[in-house]
Amino acid sequence: MSAHAAVLGLLQASPELVAAVDGRIYPDEMDDPPVYPSVTFQKIGGGRARSAVKSSSLARASIQVSTWAKSRDETVQIAGLIRRALDRKRQLTLSGVPVDDCFYVSDIDLKDPDSGICFNHMSFKIHYREP
């Protein structure tokens, strides 16, 4: 069980998000060739809580969730759905992973000048428990 499973579970639990991207929510990278709009996510940092006596099951991860779309408006709309799906989700279990808290940290909007694809990278922190 991992933060990846918990984040995927949270994203897939949002019917509005799933409908907006036609189910295209991927860990790490999109299919080749990519179909838009899509969402990707990956762990970009993390660790476990330390204890002087025994190993702790409490873990944390920094997660980047990216929205990819053909227009800025669509990117912004989907990014808002992602934020609602993940921000301040507390005290629940998803895909067997107990989640203590998940919250929004920051985001950035960009556009690829060659392809014209707009994208948004959002950062979240998730605190969860591993076996």
C-alpha atoms as a PDB file:
ATOM      1  CA  MET A   1       0.000   0.000   0.000  1.00  0.00           C
ATOM      2  CA  SER A   2       1.282   3.449  -0.832  1.00  0.00           C
ATOM      3  CA  ALA A   3       0.537   7.118  -1.252  1.00  0.00           C
ATOM      4  CA  HIS A   4       0.081   6.380  -4.971  1.00  0.00           C
ATOM      5  CA  ALA A   5      -2.841   4.049  -4.237  1.00  0.00           C
ATOM      6  CA  ALA A   6      -4.435   6.592  -1.880  1.00  0.00           C
ATOM      7  CA  VAL A   7      -4.099   9.472  -4.365  1.00  0.00           C
ATOM      8  CA  LEU A   8      -5.473   7.372  -7.225  1.00  0.00           C
ATOM      9  CA  GLY A   9      -8.383   6.357  -4.993  1.00  0.00           C
ATOM     10  CA  LEU A  10      -9.138   9.990  -4.096  1.00  0.00           C
ATOM     11  CA  LEU A  11      -8.977  11.138  -7.711  1.00  0.00           C
ATOM     12  CA  GLN A  12     -11.135   8.268  -8.976  1.00  0.00           C
ATOM     13  CA  ALA A  13     -13.678   8.896  -6.194  1.00  0.00           C
ATOM     14  CA  SER A  14     -14.600  12.206  -7.859  1.00  0.00           C
ATOM     15  CA  PRO A  15     -17.232  11.456 -10.511  1.00  0.00           C
ATOM     16  CA  GLU A  16     -16.922  15.014 -11.883  1.00  0.00           C
ATOM     17  CA  LEU A  17     -13.162  14.633 -12.385  1.00  0.00           C
ATOM     18  CA  VAL A  18     -13.446  11.168 -13.921  1.00  0.00           C
ATOM     19  CA  ALA A  19     -16.094  12.466 -16.354  1.00  0.00           C
ATOM     20  CA  ALA A  20     -14.079  15.604 -17.229  1.00  0.00           C
ATOM     21  CA  VAL A  21     -11.050  13.540 -18.305  1.00  0.00           C
ATOM     22  CA  ASP A  22     -13.003  10.505 -19.531  1.00  0.00           C
ATOM     23  CA  GLY A  23     -11.225   8.349 -16.928  1.00  0.00           C
ATOM     24  CA  ARG A  24      -7.711   9.297 -18.089  1.00  0.00           C
ATOM     25  CA  ILE A  25      -5.944   9.462 -14.707  1.00  0.00           C
ATOM     26  CA  TYR A  26      -2.455   7.974 -14.838  1.00  0.00           C
ATOM     27  CA  PRO A  27       0.394   7.417 -12.410  1.00  0.00           C
ATOM     28  CA  ASP A  28       3.596   8.919 -13.854  1.00  0.00           C
ATOM     29  CA  GLU A  29       2.807   9.424 -17.557  1.00  0.00           C
ATOM     30  CA  MET A  30       0.051   9.434 -20.154  1.00  0.00           C
ATOM     31  CA  ASP A  31      -0.463   6.856 -22.859  1.00  0.00           C
ATOM     32  CA  ASP A  32       1.503   7.290 -26.071  1.00  0.00           C
ATOM     33  CA  PRO A  33       0.161   9.044 -28.076  1.00  0.00           C
ATOM     34  CA  PRO A  34      -1.445  11.215 -25.387  1.00  0.00           C
ATOM     35  CA  VAL A  35      -5.149  11.988 -25.406  1.00  0.00           C
ATOM     36  CA  TYR A  36      -6.356  15.242 -23.852  1.00  0.00           C
ATOM     37  CA  PRO A  37      -7.561  16.138 -21.339  1.00  0.00           C
ATOM     38  CA  SER A  38      -5.638  13.874 -18.980  1.00  0.00           C
ATOM     39  CA  VAL A  39      -4.309  13.832 -15.429  1.00  0.00           C
ATOM     40  CA  THR A  40      -0.984  12.419 -14.271  1.00  0.00           C
ATOM     41  CA  PHE A  41       0.458  12.195 -10.778  1.00  0.00           C
ATOM     42  CA  GLN A  42       3.726  11.191  -9.159  1.00  0.00           C
ATOM     43  CA  LYS A  43       5.446  11.197  -5.798  1.00  0.00           C
ATOM     44  CA  ILE A  44       8.142  13.883  -5.743  1.00  0.00           C
ATOM     45  CA  GLY A  45       9.328  13.436  -2.150  1.00  0.00           C
ATOM     46  CA  GLY A  46       8.477  11.965   1.203  1.00  0.00           C
ATOM     47  CA  GLY A  47       9.589   9.932   4.168  1.00  0.00           C
ATOM     48  CA  ARG A  48       8.530   8.202   7.353  1.00  0.00           C
ATOM     49  CA  ALA A  49       8.126   9.498  10.875  1.00  0.00           C
ATOM     50  CA  ARG A  50      10.991   8.545  13.185  1.00  0.00           C
ATOM     51  CA  SER A  51      10.637   6.928  16.565  1.00  0.00           C
ATOM     52  CA  ALA A  52      13.267   6.196  19.183  1.00  0.00           C
ATOM     53  CA  VAL A  53      11.714   2.867  20.131  1.00  0.00           C
ATOM     54  CA  LYS A  54      10.278   1.259  16.990  1.00  0.00           C
ATOM     55  CA  SER A  55       9.530   1.967  13.363  1.00  0.00           C
ATOM     56  CA  SER A  56       6.541   4.207  12.852  1.00  0.00           C
ATOM     57  CA  SER A  57       3.853   3.474  10.309  1.00  0.00           C
ATOM     58  CA  LEU A  58       3.233   7.194   9.756  1.00  0.00           C
ATOM     59  CA  ALA A  59       4.498   8.361   6.358  1.00  0.00           C
ATOM     60  CA  ARG A  60       4.262  11.531   4.308  1.00  0.00           C
ATOM     61  CA  ALA A  61       4.621  12.233   0.625  1.00  0.00           C
ATOM     62  CA  SER A  62       4.752  15.237  -1.650  1.00  0.00           C
ATOM     63  CA  ILE A  63       2.588  14.519  -4.672  1.00  0.00           C
ATOM     64  CA  GLN A  64       2.515  16.421  -7.948  1.00  0.00           C
ATOM     65  CA  VAL A  65      -0.741  16.172  -9.870  1.00  0.00           C
ATOM     66  CA  SER A  66      -0.689  17.522 -13.423  1.00  0.00           C
ATOM     67  CA  THR A  67      -3.592  18.498 -15.656  1.00  0.00           C
ATOM     68  CA  TRP A  68      -3.049  18.396 -19.442  1.00  0.00           C
ATOM     69  CA  ALA A  69      -5.574  19.965 -21.841  1.00  0.00           C
ATOM     70  CA  LYS A  70      -5.907  21.797 -25.143  1.00  0.00           C
ATOM     71  CA  SER A  71      -7.142  25.067 -23.596  1.00  0.00           C
ATOM     72  CA  ARG A  72      -6.354  27.139 -20.517  1.00  0.00           C
ATOM     73  CA  ASP A  73     -10.038  27.224 -19.521  1.00  0.00           C
ATOM     74  CA  GLU A  74     -10.288  23.435 -19.576  1.00  0.00           C
ATOM     75  CA  THR A  75      -7.022  23.107 -17.643  1.00  0.00           C
ATOM     76  CA  VAL A  76      -8.249  25.505 -14.950  1.00  0.00           C
ATOM     77  CA  GLN A  77     -11.601  23.722 -14.668  1.00  0.00           C
ATOM     78  CA  ILE A  78      -9.984  20.292 -14.262  1.00  0.00           C
ATOM     79  CA  ALA A  79      -7.366  21.615 -11.818  1.00  0.00           C
ATOM     80  CA  GLY A  80     -10.241  22.895  -9.667  1.00  0.00           C
ATOM     81  CA  LEU A  81     -11.815  19.429  -9.675  1.00  0.00           C
ATOM     82  CA  ILE A  82      -8.487  17.908  -8.631  1.00  0.00           C
ATOM     83  CA  ARG A  83      -8.133  20.368  -5.779  1.00  0.00           C
ATOM     84  CA  ARG A  84     -11.635  19.524  -4.533  1.00  0.00           C
ATOM     85  CA  ALA A  85     -10.869  15.808  -4.823  1.00  0.00           C
ATOM     86  CA  LEU A  86      -7.667  15.995  -2.746  1.00  0.00           C
ATOM     87  CA  ASP A  87      -7.590  19.090  -0.528  1.00  0.00           C
ATOM     88  CA  ARG A  88      -8.398  18.522   3.133  1.00  0.00           C
ATOM     89  CA  LYS A  89      -9.344  14.893   2.787  1.00  0.00           C
ATOM     90  CA  ARG A  90      -8.886  13.487   6.283  1.00  0.00           C
ATOM     91  CA  GLN A  91      -9.312  10.370   8.339  1.00  0.00           C
ATOM     92  CA  LEU A  92     -10.331   7.931   5.617  1.00  0.00           C
ATOM     93  CA  THR A  93      -9.050   4.739   4.069  1.00  0.00           C
ATOM     94  CA  LEU A  94      -8.627   4.351   0.308  1.00  0.00           C
ATOM     95  CA  SER A  95      -7.410   1.221  -1.449  1.00  0.00           C
ATOM     96  CA  GLY A  96      -6.363  -0.118   1.956  1.00  0.00           C
ATOM     97  CA  VAL A  97      -4.297   2.988   2.785  1.00  0.00           C
ATOM     98  CA  PRO A  98      -5.292   4.928   5.927  1.00  0.00           C
ATOM     99  CA  VAL A  99      -5.013   8.659   5.083  1.00  0.00           C
ATOM    100  CA  ASP A 100      -4.623  11.071   8.008  1.00  0.00           C
ATOM    101  CA  ASP A 101      -4.632  14.237   5.885  1.00  0.00           C
ATOM    102  CA  CYS A 102      -4.114  15.421   2.327  1.00  0.00           C
ATOM    103  CA  PHE A 103      -3.814  19.107   1.543  1.00  0.00           C
ATOM    104  CA  TYR A 104      -3.011  21.529  -1.270  1.00  0.00           C
ATOM    105  CA  VAL A 105       0.374  23.295  -1.230  1.00  0.00           C
ATOM    106  CA  SER A 106       0.843  25.205  -4.507  1.00  0.00           C
ATOM    107  CA  ASP A 107       0.435  25.140  -8.281  1.00  0.00           C
ATOM    108  CA  ILE A 108       1.769  26.609 -11.513  1.00  0.00           C
ATOM    109  CA  ASP A 109       0.183  27.091 -14.958  1.00  0.00           C
ATOM    110  CA  LEU A 110       2.279  26.572 -18.089  1.00  0.00           C
ATOM    111  CA  LYS A 111       1.853  26.143 -21.843  1.00  0.00           C
ATOM    112  CA  ASP A 112       4.043  24.214 -24.252  1.00  0.00           C
ATOM    113  CA  PRO A 113       4.875  26.689 -27.044  1.00  0.00           C
ATOM    114  CA  ASP A 114       5.410  23.922 -29.623  1.00  0.00           C
ATOM    115  CA  SER A 115       2.280  21.819 -29.098  1.00  0.00           C
ATOM    116  CA  GLY A 116       0.033  24.507 -27.590  1.00  0.00           C
ATOM    117  CA  ILE A 117      -0.945  22.114 -24.793  1.00  0.00           C
ATOM    118  CA  CYS A 118      -1.769  23.850 -21.516  1.00  0.00           C
ATOM    119  CA  PHE A 119      -0.872  22.221 -18.236  1.00  0.00           C
ATOM    120  CA  ASN A 120      -1.039  22.819 -14.512  1.00  0.00           C
ATOM    121  CA  HIS A 121       1.204  21.219 -11.891  1.00  0.00           C
ATOM    122  CA  MET A 122      -0.342  21.100  -8.401  1.00  0.00           C
ATOM    123  CA  SER A 123       1.548  20.040  -5.272  1.00  0.00           C
ATOM    124  CA  PHE A 124      -0.114  18.265  -2.358  1.00  0.00           C
ATOM    125  CA  LYS A 125       1.137  16.801   0.925  1.00  0.00           C
ATOM    126  CA  ILE A 126      -0.366  13.555   2.089  1.00  0.00           C
ATOM    127  CA  HIS A 127       0.090  11.984   5.531  1.00  0.00           C
ATOM    128  CA  TYR A 128      -0.789   8.299   5.579  1.00  0.00           C
ATOM    129  CA  ARG A 129       0.031   5.023   7.315  1.00  0.00           C
ATOM    130  CA  GLU A 130       1.978   2.105   5.934  1.00  0.00           C
ATOM    131  CA  PRO A 131       1.848  -1.424   7.372  1.00  0.00           C
END
